[in-house]
């Protein structure tokens, strides 16, 4: 992401992750310069198909990942 020259980012390098039995999610924010910012998301699911017993963990993983993204 690149900003116009008159703008600048006020963030520091940041990595946050969540993990449970359903899988893992991570967010990485890396300021490259005053005008450029790299934001990367990675989600790795533990299963191709989830049983109803596993739904609570999957729901929690997705909910926590969404919260991390919203915090930025």
N, C-alpha and C. Protein backbone atom coordinates (compact mmCIF):
# COMPACT_ATOMS: atom_id res chain seq x y z
N UNK A 1 0.85 -1.15 0.00
CA UNK A 1 0.00 0.00 0.00
C UNK A 1 0.91 1.23 0.00
N UNK A 2 0.61 2.19 -0.83
CA UNK A 2 1.41 3.40 -0.92
C UNK A 2 0.52 4.62 -0.72
N UNK A 3 0.96 5.52 0.13
CA UNK A 3 0.23 6.76 0.38
C UNK A 3 0.78 7.89 -0.47
N UNK A 4 -0.02 8.93 -0.69
CA UNK A 4 0.52 10.13 -1.33
C UNK A 4 1.61 10.74 -0.46
N UNK A 5 2.49 11.52 -1.05
CA UNK A 5 3.64 12.10 -0.33
C UNK A 5 3.23 12.93 0.88
N UNK A 6 2.06 13.54 0.88
CA UNK A 6 1.65 14.40 1.99
C UNK A 6 1.15 13.61 3.21
N UNK A 7 1.04 12.28 3.10
CA UNK A 7 0.57 11.44 4.18
C UNK A 7 1.73 10.58 4.71
N UNK A 8 1.57 10.07 5.92
CA UNK A 8 2.56 9.12 6.45
C UNK A 8 1.87 8.16 7.42
N UNK A 9 2.46 6.99 7.59
CA UNK A 9 1.94 5.98 8.51
C UNK A 9 2.42 6.28 9.92
N UNK A 10 1.59 6.00 10.90
CA UNK A 10 1.97 6.16 12.29
C UNK A 10 1.85 4.81 12.99
N UNK A 11 2.42 3.80 12.37
CA UNK A 11 2.40 2.45 12.93
C UNK A 11 3.82 1.92 13.02
N UNK A 12 4.00 0.99 13.91
CA UNK A 12 5.28 0.31 14.04
C UNK A 12 5.12 -1.11 13.53
N UNK A 13 6.23 -1.77 13.31
CA UNK A 13 6.19 -3.17 12.89
C UNK A 13 5.40 -3.95 13.92
N UNK A 14 4.52 -4.82 13.44
CA UNK A 14 3.59 -5.48 14.34
C UNK A 14 3.22 -6.85 13.77
N UNK A 15 3.21 -7.85 14.62
CA UNK A 15 2.74 -9.18 14.24
C UNK A 15 1.83 -9.69 15.34
N UNK A 16 0.69 -10.22 14.94
CA UNK A 16 -0.24 -10.80 15.91
C UNK A 16 -0.76 -12.11 15.34
N UNK A 17 -0.96 -13.08 16.22
CA UNK A 17 -1.46 -14.37 15.74
C UNK A 17 -2.41 -14.98 16.76
N UNK A 18 -3.29 -15.83 16.24
CA UNK A 18 -4.21 -16.61 17.08
C UNK A 18 -4.14 -18.05 16.58
N UNK A 19 -4.29 -18.97 17.50
CA UNK A 19 -4.20 -20.39 17.15
C UNK A 19 -5.08 -21.20 18.08
N UNK A 20 -5.72 -22.21 17.54
CA UNK A 20 -6.45 -23.18 18.36
C UNK A 20 -6.52 -24.50 17.58
N UNK A 21 -7.34 -25.42 18.03
CA UNK A 21 -7.41 -26.74 17.39
C UNK A 21 -7.92 -26.67 15.95
N UNK A 22 -8.62 -25.60 15.59
CA UNK A 22 -9.17 -25.47 14.24
C UNK A 22 -8.13 -24.97 13.23
N UNK A 23 -7.09 -24.29 13.71
CA UNK A 23 -6.08 -23.77 12.79
C UNK A 23 -5.36 -22.57 13.39
N UNK A 24 -4.81 -21.74 12.50
CA UNK A 24 -4.03 -20.59 12.94
C UNK A 24 -4.24 -19.42 11.98
N UNK A 25 -4.10 -18.21 12.51
CA UNK A 25 -4.21 -16.99 11.72
C UNK A 25 -3.14 -16.02 12.19
N UNK A 26 -2.53 -15.31 11.25
CA UNK A 26 -1.56 -14.29 11.63
C UNK A 26 -1.72 -13.05 10.76
N UNK A 27 -1.39 -11.92 11.37
CA UNK A 27 -1.38 -10.64 10.67
C UNK A 27 -0.01 -10.01 10.90
N UNK A 28 0.58 -9.50 9.86
CA UNK A 28 1.88 -8.84 9.96
C UNK A 28 1.78 -7.47 9.30
N UNK A 29 2.17 -6.43 10.03
CA UNK A 29 2.19 -5.07 9.51
C UNK A 29 3.64 -4.60 9.55
N UNK A 30 4.14 -4.17 8.40
CA UNK A 30 5.54 -3.79 8.29
C UNK A 30 5.66 -2.48 7.51
N UNK A 31 5.98 -1.37 8.20
CA UNK A 31 6.21 -0.12 7.48
C UNK A 31 7.50 -0.24 6.66
N UNK A 32 7.41 -0.01 5.36
CA UNK A 32 8.57 -0.12 4.49
C UNK A 32 9.26 1.23 4.33
N UNK A 33 8.48 2.30 4.38
CA UNK A 33 8.99 3.66 4.28
C UNK A 33 7.89 4.57 4.81
N UNK A 34 8.12 5.89 4.90
CA UNK A 34 7.06 6.77 5.38
C UNK A 34 5.78 6.71 4.54
N UNK A 35 5.92 6.33 3.27
CA UNK A 35 4.74 6.27 2.38
C UNK A 35 4.24 4.86 2.11
N UNK A 36 4.99 3.83 2.48
CA UNK A 36 4.61 2.47 2.13
C UNK A 36 4.44 1.59 3.36
N UNK A 37 3.44 0.74 3.28
CA UNK A 37 3.11 -0.17 4.37
C UNK A 37 2.76 -1.52 3.77
N UNK A 38 3.31 -2.59 4.33
CA UNK A 38 2.96 -3.94 3.89
C UNK A 38 2.12 -4.59 4.98
N UNK A 39 0.95 -5.10 4.59
CA UNK A 39 0.07 -5.82 5.51
C UNK A 39 -0.15 -7.20 4.92
N UNK A 40 0.15 -8.22 5.71
CA UNK A 40 -0.01 -9.60 5.24
C UNK A 40 -0.89 -10.37 6.23
N UNK A 41 -1.77 -11.19 5.67
CA UNK A 41 -2.63 -12.08 6.46
C UNK A 41 -2.38 -13.51 6.00
N UNK A 42 -2.40 -14.42 6.96
CA UNK A 42 -2.22 -15.83 6.63
C UNK A 42 -3.14 -16.65 7.53
N UNK A 43 -3.96 -17.51 6.91
CA UNK A 43 -4.81 -18.41 7.69
C UNK A 43 -4.53 -19.84 7.23
N UNK A 44 -4.29 -20.70 8.19
CA UNK A 44 -4.04 -22.11 7.91
C UNK A 44 -5.06 -22.92 8.70
N UNK A 45 -5.91 -23.63 7.99
CA UNK A 45 -6.92 -24.46 8.64
C UNK A 45 -6.37 -25.85 8.91
N UNK A 46 -6.74 -26.41 10.04
CA UNK A 46 -6.23 -27.72 10.45
C UNK A 46 -6.92 -28.88 9.73
N UNK A 47 -8.10 -28.62 9.17
CA UNK A 47 -8.87 -29.69 8.52
C UNK A 47 -9.50 -29.18 7.23
N UNK A 48 -9.76 -30.10 6.32
CA UNK A 48 -10.52 -29.77 5.10
C UNK A 48 -12.01 -29.72 5.41
N UNK A 49 -12.47 -30.62 6.27
CA UNK A 49 -13.87 -30.71 6.66
C UNK A 49 -13.93 -30.74 8.18
N UNK A 50 -14.84 -29.97 8.74
CA UNK A 50 -14.99 -29.90 10.19
C UNK A 50 -16.29 -30.58 10.61
N UNK A 51 -16.21 -31.36 11.67
CA UNK A 51 -17.40 -32.01 12.21
C UNK A 51 -18.15 -30.99 13.08
N UNK A 52 -19.42 -31.24 13.36
CA UNK A 52 -20.16 -30.32 14.22
C UNK A 52 -19.49 -30.09 15.58
N UNK A 53 -18.81 -31.10 16.09
CA UNK A 53 -18.12 -30.94 17.37
C UNK A 53 -16.96 -29.94 17.27
N UNK A 54 -16.42 -29.77 16.06
CA UNK A 54 -15.29 -28.86 15.86
C UNK A 54 -15.73 -27.44 15.51
N UNK A 55 -17.02 -27.23 15.27
CA UNK A 55 -17.52 -25.91 14.88
C UNK A 55 -17.18 -24.81 15.89
N UNK A 56 -17.30 -25.07 17.19
CA UNK A 56 -16.97 -23.98 18.13
C UNK A 56 -15.53 -23.48 18.00
N UNK A 57 -14.57 -24.38 17.80
CA UNK A 57 -13.19 -23.95 17.62
C UNK A 57 -13.01 -23.18 16.32
N UNK A 58 -13.66 -23.64 15.26
CA UNK A 58 -13.58 -22.94 13.98
C UNK A 58 -14.20 -21.55 14.08
N UNK A 59 -15.36 -21.47 14.71
CA UNK A 59 -16.02 -20.18 14.91
C UNK A 59 -15.13 -19.24 15.72
N UNK A 60 -14.52 -19.76 16.77
CA UNK A 60 -13.65 -18.93 17.61
C UNK A 60 -12.43 -18.45 16.82
N UNK A 61 -11.83 -19.32 16.02
CA UNK A 61 -10.68 -18.93 15.21
C UNK A 61 -11.05 -17.80 14.24
N UNK A 62 -12.15 -17.96 13.52
CA UNK A 62 -12.56 -16.95 12.55
C UNK A 62 -12.95 -15.65 13.25
N UNK A 63 -13.63 -15.75 14.38
CA UNK A 63 -14.02 -14.55 15.13
C UNK A 63 -12.80 -13.79 15.64
N UNK A 64 -11.82 -14.50 16.16
CA UNK A 64 -10.61 -13.85 16.67
C UNK A 64 -9.78 -13.27 15.53
N UNK A 65 -9.74 -13.96 14.41
CA UNK A 65 -9.02 -13.43 13.24
C UNK A 65 -9.67 -12.13 12.77
N UNK A 66 -10.99 -12.11 12.73
CA UNK A 66 -11.71 -10.90 12.34
C UNK A 66 -11.41 -9.74 13.30
N UNK A 67 -11.37 -10.04 14.58
CA UNK A 67 -11.06 -9.01 15.58
C UNK A 67 -9.65 -8.45 15.38
N UNK A 68 -8.70 -9.31 15.08
CA UNK A 68 -7.32 -8.86 14.83
C UNK A 68 -7.30 -7.93 13.62
N UNK A 69 -8.00 -8.30 12.56
CA UNK A 69 -8.03 -7.48 11.35
C UNK A 69 -8.66 -6.12 11.64
N UNK A 70 -9.72 -6.11 12.43
CA UNK A 70 -10.39 -4.84 12.76
C UNK A 70 -9.51 -3.93 13.60
N UNK A 71 -8.69 -4.51 14.47
CA UNK A 71 -7.78 -3.70 15.29
C UNK A 71 -6.71 -3.06 14.43
N UNK A 72 -6.25 -3.83 13.42
CA UNK A 72 -5.22 -3.35 12.51
C UNK A 72 -3.98 -3.04 13.21
